[in-house]
Amino acid sequence: QVPLVESGGGLVQPGGSLRLSCAASGRTFTAGTMAWFRQAPGKEREFVAGVRLSDGNPSYGDSVKGRVTLSRDNTKQTLYLQMTSLKPEDTAVYYCAARPGRLVLSQVPFSRHYDSWGQGTQVTVSS
């Protein structure tokens, strides 16, 4: 497993923005796959965004498409999730996930393929 350290959650008003960070280490950040999932109370874990770090093409969940952007800083081995136009329904605990290997594209949105998880960071969208 790869240690993952998340940060950046908090309380934001509807329409606001947040940037979440996930710091990884080692081989994962050059050849692995990383993703963000979220889980609201009483709901299943939901795919937000993911990327195969070797080819860099991100994929996004339908509920956030157009409002979130993945980016990374290779020198800091950190993956960022920029979220804009936030809605109350975006309220959830957001988890960073990683797998040292390169997943098949169709596997990226499914949490069962990841073997490292961060501790989660709370995002609350409320006025």
N, C-alpha and C. Protein backbone atom coordinates (compact mmCIF):
# COMPACT_ATOMS: atom_id res chain seq x y z
N GLN A 1 0.84 -1.20 0.00
CA GLN A 1 0.00 0.00 0.00
C GLN A 1 0.87 1.24 0.00
N VAL A 2 0.29 2.31 -0.54
CA VAL A 2 1.00 3.58 -0.67
C VAL A 2 0.39 4.59 0.29
N PRO A 3 1.21 5.24 1.10
CA PRO A 3 0.65 6.29 1.97
C PRO A 3 0.09 7.44 1.14
N LEU A 4 -1.11 7.87 1.48
CA LEU A 4 -1.76 8.99 0.81
C LEU A 4 -2.17 10.00 1.87
N VAL A 5 -1.86 11.25 1.63
CA VAL A 5 -2.19 12.31 2.58
C VAL A 5 -3.05 13.34 1.87
N GLU A 6 -4.29 13.47 2.33
CA GLU A 6 -5.25 14.40 1.72
C GLU A 6 -5.33 15.68 2.53
N SER A 7 -5.71 16.74 1.84
CA SER A 7 -5.97 18.01 2.52
C SER A 7 -6.86 18.86 1.62
N GLY A 8 -7.42 19.92 2.21
CA GLY A 8 -8.15 20.90 1.41
C GLY A 8 -9.64 20.93 1.59
N GLY A 9 -10.20 20.03 2.36
CA GLY A 9 -11.64 20.07 2.56
C GLY A 9 -12.06 21.23 3.43
N GLY A 10 -13.37 21.39 3.56
CA GLY A 10 -13.87 22.47 4.41
C GLY A 10 -15.30 22.81 4.09
N LEU A 11 -15.74 23.93 4.64
CA LEU A 11 -17.09 24.44 4.43
C LEU A 11 -17.05 25.52 3.37
N VAL A 12 -17.93 25.41 2.40
CA VAL A 12 -17.99 26.39 1.32
C VAL A 12 -19.45 26.65 0.96
N GLN A 13 -19.74 27.84 0.52
CA GLN A 13 -21.10 28.18 0.14
C GLN A 13 -21.42 27.63 -1.26
N PRO A 14 -22.69 27.40 -1.53
CA PRO A 14 -23.07 26.96 -2.88
C PRO A 14 -22.54 27.94 -3.93
N GLY A 15 -22.03 27.36 -5.01
CA GLY A 15 -21.41 28.16 -6.05
C GLY A 15 -19.94 28.41 -5.85
N GLY A 16 -19.43 28.05 -4.69
CA GLY A 16 -18.02 28.28 -4.38
C GLY A 16 -17.11 27.22 -4.94
N SER A 17 -15.82 27.35 -4.59
CA SER A 17 -14.79 26.45 -5.11
C SER A 17 -13.92 25.93 -3.98
N LEU A 18 -13.34 24.76 -4.23
CA LEU A 18 -12.37 24.18 -3.31
C LEU A 18 -11.35 23.41 -4.13
N ARG A 19 -10.14 23.30 -3.58
CA ARG A 19 -9.14 22.45 -4.20
C ARG A 19 -8.67 21.43 -3.17
N LEU A 20 -8.83 20.17 -3.50
CA LEU A 20 -8.34 19.09 -2.66
C LEU A 20 -6.99 18.62 -3.15
N SER A 21 -6.15 18.21 -2.21
CA SER A 21 -4.82 17.73 -2.55
C SER A 21 -4.63 16.31 -2.02
N CYS A 22 -3.87 15.53 -2.76
CA CYS A 22 -3.53 14.18 -2.32
C CYS A 22 -2.06 13.94 -2.63
N ALA A 23 -1.27 13.83 -1.59
CA ALA A 23 0.16 13.60 -1.76
C ALA A 23 0.45 12.11 -1.71
N ALA A 24 1.13 11.61 -2.73
CA ALA A 24 1.48 10.19 -2.81
C ALA A 24 3.00 10.06 -2.78
N SER A 25 3.48 8.87 -2.99
CA SER A 25 4.94 8.67 -2.96
C SER A 25 5.31 7.48 -3.81
N GLY A 26 6.56 7.50 -4.26
CA GLY A 26 7.13 6.35 -4.92
C GLY A 26 6.63 6.11 -6.32
N ARG A 27 6.65 4.89 -6.69
CA ARG A 27 6.36 4.47 -8.06
C ARG A 27 4.95 4.82 -8.50
N THR A 28 4.03 4.89 -7.51
CA THR A 28 2.63 5.17 -7.85
C THR A 28 2.49 6.41 -8.68
N PHE A 29 3.30 7.44 -8.38
CA PHE A 29 3.08 8.70 -9.05
C PHE A 29 3.70 8.75 -10.42
N THR A 30 4.37 7.76 -10.85
CA THR A 30 4.89 7.74 -12.21
C THR A 30 4.20 6.71 -13.08
N ALA A 31 3.76 5.63 -12.50
CA ALA A 31 3.23 4.55 -13.31
C ALA A 31 1.88 4.04 -12.84
N GLY A 32 1.36 4.62 -11.78
CA GLY A 32 0.14 4.07 -11.22
C GLY A 32 -1.12 4.75 -11.70
N THR A 33 -2.17 4.51 -10.97
CA THR A 33 -3.48 5.10 -11.22
C THR A 33 -3.97 5.72 -9.92
N MET A 34 -4.49 6.92 -10.02
CA MET A 34 -5.02 7.61 -8.84
C MET A 34 -6.40 8.15 -9.13
N ALA A 35 -7.18 8.29 -8.08
CA ALA A 35 -8.56 8.73 -8.27
C ALA A 35 -9.08 9.38 -7.00
N TRP A 36 -10.17 10.09 -7.18
CA TRP A 36 -10.95 10.63 -6.07
C TRP A 36 -12.33 9.99 -6.09
N PHE A 37 -12.75 9.57 -4.90
CA PHE A 37 -14.11 9.09 -4.69
C PHE A 37 -14.73 9.93 -3.58
N ARG A 38 -16.02 9.86 -3.46
CA ARG A 38 -16.69 10.54 -2.37
C ARG A 38 -17.81 9.67 -1.83
N GLN A 39 -18.13 9.92 -0.57
CA GLN A 39 -19.20 9.17 0.07
C GLN A 39 -19.99 10.08 0.98
N ALA A 40 -21.26 10.22 0.67
CA ALA A 40 -22.17 10.99 1.51
C ALA A 40 -22.86 10.05 2.49
N PRO A 41 -23.35 10.55 3.60
CA PRO A 41 -24.01 9.70 4.59
C PRO A 41 -25.16 8.91 3.97
N GLY A 42 -25.17 7.61 4.20
CA GLY A 42 -26.23 6.76 3.71
C GLY A 42 -26.16 6.43 2.23
N LYS A 43 -25.07 6.85 1.58
CA LYS A 43 -24.94 6.58 0.15
C LYS A 43 -23.69 5.76 -0.13
N GLU A 44 -23.66 5.15 -1.29
CA GLU A 44 -22.49 4.37 -1.69
C GLU A 44 -21.36 5.30 -2.12
N ARG A 45 -20.15 4.75 -2.07
CA ARG A 45 -19.00 5.51 -2.53
C ARG A 45 -19.13 5.76 -4.04
N GLU A 46 -18.85 6.99 -4.43
CA GLU A 46 -19.08 7.42 -5.80
C GLU A 46 -17.79 7.92 -6.45
N PHE A 47 -17.57 7.53 -7.68
CA PHE A 47 -16.39 7.98 -8.43
C PHE A 47 -16.52 9.46 -8.78
N VAL A 48 -15.46 10.21 -8.53
CA VAL A 48 -15.44 11.63 -8.86
C VAL A 48 -14.53 11.88 -10.07
N ALA A 49 -13.29 11.42 -9.97
CA ALA A 49 -12.33 11.63 -11.07
C ALA A 49 -11.15 10.70 -10.89
N GLY A 50 -10.51 10.36 -12.00
CA GLY A 50 -9.35 9.48 -11.92
C GLY A 50 -8.43 9.68 -13.10
N VAL A 51 -7.21 9.20 -12.94
CA VAL A 51 -6.22 9.37 -14.01
C VAL A 51 -5.18 8.26 -13.95
N ARG A 52 -4.81 7.78 -15.11
CA ARG A 52 -3.66 6.88 -15.23
C ARG A 52 -2.46 7.79 -15.42
N LEU A 53 -1.57 7.79 -14.47
CA LEU A 53 -0.51 8.79 -14.44
C LEU A 53 0.47 8.64 -15.59
N SER A 54 0.55 7.47 -16.20
CA SER A 54 1.47 7.29 -17.32
C SER A 54 0.97 7.95 -18.59
N ASP A 55 -0.35 8.08 -18.76
CA ASP A 55 -0.82 8.72 -19.99
C ASP A 55 -1.53 10.04 -19.72
N GLY A 56 -1.93 10.28 -18.47
CA GLY A 56 -2.38 11.61 -18.07
C GLY A 56 -3.75 12.03 -18.52
N ASN A 57 -4.53 11.14 -19.11
CA ASN A 57 -5.87 11.53 -19.55
C ASN A 57 -6.87 11.26 -18.44
N PRO A 58 -7.45 12.32 -17.87
CA PRO A 58 -8.37 12.11 -16.75
C PRO A 58 -9.75 11.68 -17.21
N SER A 59 -10.47 11.05 -16.31
CA SER A 59 -11.87 10.75 -16.53
C SER A 59 -12.65 11.27 -15.33
N TYR A 60 -13.90 11.64 -15.56
CA TYR A 60 -14.71 12.29 -14.55
C TYR A 60 -16.06 11.60 -14.41
N GLY A 61 -16.56 11.62 -13.19
CA GLY A 61 -17.89 11.10 -12.95
C GLY A 61 -18.96 11.99 -13.56
N ASP A 62 -20.08 11.40 -13.93
CA ASP A 62 -21.14 12.17 -14.59
C ASP A 62 -21.68 13.29 -13.72
N SER A 63 -21.74 13.08 -12.43
CA SER A 63 -22.35 14.07 -11.54
C SER A 63 -21.47 15.30 -11.34
N VAL A 64 -20.21 15.22 -11.70
CA VAL A 64 -19.30 16.35 -11.49
C VAL A 64 -18.68 16.86 -12.79
N LYS A 65 -18.93 16.18 -13.88
CA LYS A 65 -18.30 16.52 -15.15
C LYS A 65 -18.58 17.98 -15.50
N GLY A 66 -17.53 18.68 -15.89
CA GLY A 66 -17.67 20.10 -16.22
C GLY A 66 -17.45 21.02 -15.03
N ARG A 67 -17.41 20.45 -13.82
CA ARG A 67 -17.24 21.28 -12.61
C ARG A 67 -15.96 20.95 -11.86
N VAL A 68 -15.30 19.86 -12.22
CA VAL A 68 -14.07 19.48 -11.53
C VAL A 68 -12.96 19.25 -12.54
N THR A 69 -11.74 19.49 -12.07
CA THR A 69 -10.58 19.31 -12.92
C THR A 69 -9.47 18.65 -12.11
N LEU A 70 -8.88 17.61 -12.69
CA LEU A 70 -7.72 16.98 -12.08
C LEU A 70 -6.45 17.62 -12.62
N SER A 71 -5.49 17.80 -11.72
CA SER A 71 -4.17 18.24 -12.15
C SER A 71 -3.15 17.64 -11.21
N ARG A 72 -1.88 17.78 -11.54
CA ARG A 72 -0.87 17.20 -10.66
C ARG A 72 0.42 18.01 -10.72
N ASP A 73 1.17 17.87 -9.66
CA ASP A 73 2.50 18.46 -9.57
C ASP A 73 3.46 17.30 -9.36
N ASN A 74 4.20 16.97 -10.41
CA ASN A 74 5.08 15.81 -10.32
C ASN A 74 6.21 16.02 -9.32
N THR A 75 6.66 17.25 -9.17
CA THR A 75 7.77 17.49 -8.23
C THR A 75 7.33 17.28 -6.79
N LYS A 76 6.06 17.53 -6.53
CA LYS A 76 5.53 17.34 -5.18
C LYS A 76 4.80 16.01 -5.04
N GLN A 77 4.70 15.27 -6.14
CA GLN A 77 3.97 14.00 -6.16
C GLN A 77 2.58 14.17 -5.55
N THR A 78 1.91 15.19 -6.03
CA THR A 78 0.60 15.54 -5.49
C THR A 78 -0.42 15.64 -6.61
N LEU A 79 -1.59 15.07 -6.35
CA LEU A 79 -2.73 15.13 -7.27
C LEU A 79 -3.72 16.12 -6.70
N TYR A 80 -4.25 16.98 -7.54
CA TYR A 80 -5.20 17.99 -7.11
C TYR A 80 -6.56 17.76 -7.75
N LEU A 81 -7.60 18.07 -6.98
CA LEU A 81 -8.95 18.06 -7.51
C LEU A 81 -9.53 19.45 -7.31
N GLN A 82 -9.64 20.19 -8.39
CA GLN A 82 -10.23 21.53 -8.33
C GLN A 82 -11.72 21.40 -8.57
N MET A 83 -12.50 21.88 -7.62
CA MET A 83 -13.96 21.79 -7.73
C MET A 83 -14.54 23.19 -7.78
N THR A 84 -15.42 23.43 -8.72
CA THR A 84 -16.07 24.73 -8.86
C THR A 84 -17.58 24.55 -8.92
N SER A 85 -18.29 25.67 -8.83
CA SER A 85 -19.76 25.64 -8.88
C SER A 85 -20.32 24.57 -7.96
N LEU A 86 -19.82 24.54 -6.74
CA LEU A 86 -20.21 23.49 -5.81
C LEU A 86 -21.68 23.60 -5.41
N LYS A 87 -22.29 22.44 -5.22
CA LYS A 87 -23.70 22.34 -4.87
C LYS A 87 -23.84 21.62 -3.52
N PRO A 88 -24.94 21.81 -2.83
CA PRO A 88 -25.14 21.09 -1.56
C PRO A 88 -25.00 19.57 -1.73
N GLU A 89 -25.40 19.05 -2.87
CA GLU A 89 -25.29 17.61 -3.09
C GLU A 89 -23.85 17.13 -3.28
N ASP A 90 -22.91 18.04 -3.35
CA ASP A 90 -21.50 17.66 -3.38
C ASP A 90 -20.95 17.39 -1.97
N THR A 91 -21.75 17.66 -0.97
CA THR A 91 -21.33 17.42 0.41
C THR A 91 -21.06 15.94 0.62
N ALA A 92 -19.85 15.63 1.09
CA ALA A 92 -19.44 14.24 1.27
C ALA A 92 -18.04 14.22 1.86
N VAL A 93 -17.62 13.03 2.26
CA VAL A 93 -16.22 12.81 2.56
C VAL A 93 -15.54 12.38 1.26
N TYR A 94 -14.47 13.08 0.94
CA TYR A 94 -13.76 12.81 -0.30
C TYR A 94 -12.50 12.01 0.01
N TYR A 95 -12.32 10.92 -0.74
CA TYR A 95 -11.20 10.02 -0.52
C TYR A 95 -10.30 9.97 -1.75
N CYS A 96 -9.03 10.02 -1.50
CA CYS A 96 -8.05 9.78 -2.54
C CYS A 96 -7.72 8.29 -2.54
N ALA A 97 -7.55 7.73 -3.73
CA ALA A 97 -7.24 6.31 -3.87
C ALA A 97 -6.11 6.14 -4.87
N ALA A 98 -5.36 5.06 -4.69
CA ALA A 98 -4.24 4.82 -5.59
C ALA A 98 -4.00 3.33 -5.79
N ARG A 99 -3.41 3.05 -6.92
CA ARG A 99 -2.98 1.68 -7.21
C ARG A 99 -1.64 1.81 -7.92
N PRO A 100 -0.64 1.07 -7.50
CA PRO A 100 0.68 1.21 -8.12
C PRO A 100 0.68 0.90 -9.61
N GLY A 101 -0.20 0.01 -10.05
CA GLY A 101 -0.22 -0.37 -11.45
C GLY A 101 -1.16 0.49 -12.27
N ARG A 102 -1.06 0.32 -13.57
CA ARG A 102 -1.87 1.06 -14.54
C ARG A 102 -3.14 0.25 -14.81
N LEU A 103 -4.27 0.82 -14.41
CA LEU A 103 -5.54 0.13 -14.64
C LEU A 103 -5.97 0.26 -16.09
N VAL A 104 -6.77 -0.68 -16.52
CA VAL A 104 -7.47 -0.54 -17.78
C VAL A 104 -8.46 0.61 -17.62
N LEU A 105 -8.65 1.39 -18.67
CA LEU A 105 -9.50 2.58 -18.56
C LEU A 105 -10.87 2.27 -17.97
N SER A 106 -11.46 1.17 -18.36
CA SER A 106 -12.80 0.84 -17.88
C SER A 106 -12.81 0.52 -16.39
N GLN A 107 -11.66 0.24 -15.80
CA GLN A 107 -11.58 -0.08 -14.38
C GLN A 107 -11.41 1.17 -13.51
N VAL A 108 -10.99 2.27 -14.08
CA VAL A 108 -10.66 3.46 -13.30
C VAL A 108 -11.79 3.93 -12.38
N PRO A 109 -13.04 3.91 -12.81
CA PRO A 109 -14.11 4.42 -11.93
C PRO A 109 -14.56 3.51 -10.80
N PHE A 110 -13.95 2.35 -10.67
CA PHE A 110 -14.47 1.38 -9.69
C PHE A 110 -13.53 1.23 -8.51
N SER A 111 -14.05 1.50 -7.31
CA SER A 111 -13.23 1.56 -6.11
C SER A 111 -12.55 0.23 -5.79
N ARG A 112 -13.11 -0.87 -6.20
CA ARG A 112 -12.55 -2.17 -5.84
C ARG A 112 -11.17 -2.42 -6.45
N HIS A 113 -10.79 -1.61 -7.43
CA HIS A 113 -9.49 -1.80 -8.08
C HIS A 113 -8.35 -1.05 -7.40
N TYR A 114 -8.65 -0.30 -6.37
CA TYR A 114 -7.62 0.50 -5.69
C TYR A 114 -7.26 -0.15 -4.36
N ASP A 115 -5.98 -0.15 -4.02
CA ASP A 115 -5.57 -0.81 -2.80
C ASP A 115 -5.00 0.13 -1.74
N SER A 116 -4.92 1.41 -2.06
CA SER A 116 -4.48 2.39 -1.08
C SER A 116 -5.51 3.51 -1.01
N TRP A 117 -5.80 3.92 0.21
CA TRP A 117 -6.81 4.95 0.42
C TRP A 117 -6.31 5.96 1.45
N GLY A 118 -6.69 7.21 1.22
CA GLY A 118 -6.40 8.24 2.21
C GLY A 118 -7.43 8.20 3.33
N GLN A 119 -7.24 9.07 4.30
CA GLN A 119 -8.11 9.07 5.48
C GLN A 119 -9.43 9.78 5.21
N GLY A 120 -9.53 10.49 4.12
CA GLY A 120 -10.76 11.21 3.78
C GLY A 120 -10.72 12.65 4.27
N THR A 121 -11.34 13.53 3.51
CA THR A 121 -11.45 14.93 3.90
C THR A 121 -12.89 15.38 3.66
N GLN A 122 -13.45 16.04 4.65
CA GLN A 122 -14.86 16.43 4.59
C GLN A 122 -15.03 17.69 3.74
N VAL A 123 -15.98 17.62 2.82
CA VAL A 123 -16.39 18.80 2.06
C VAL A 123 -17.87 19.04 2.37
N THR A 124 -18.17 20.23 2.84
CA THR A 124 -19.55 20.59 3.16
C THR A 124 -19.91 21.84 2.37
N VAL A 125 -20.99 21.72 1.59
CA VAL A 125 -21.46 22.85 0.79
C VAL A 125 -22.79 23.29 1.38
N SER A 126 -22.78 24.46 1.98
CA SER A 126 -23.96 24.93 2.68
C SER A 126 -23.89 26.44 2.84
N SER A 127 -25.07 27.06 2.83
CA SER A 127 -25.13 28.49 3.07
C SER A 127 -25.39 28.77 4.55
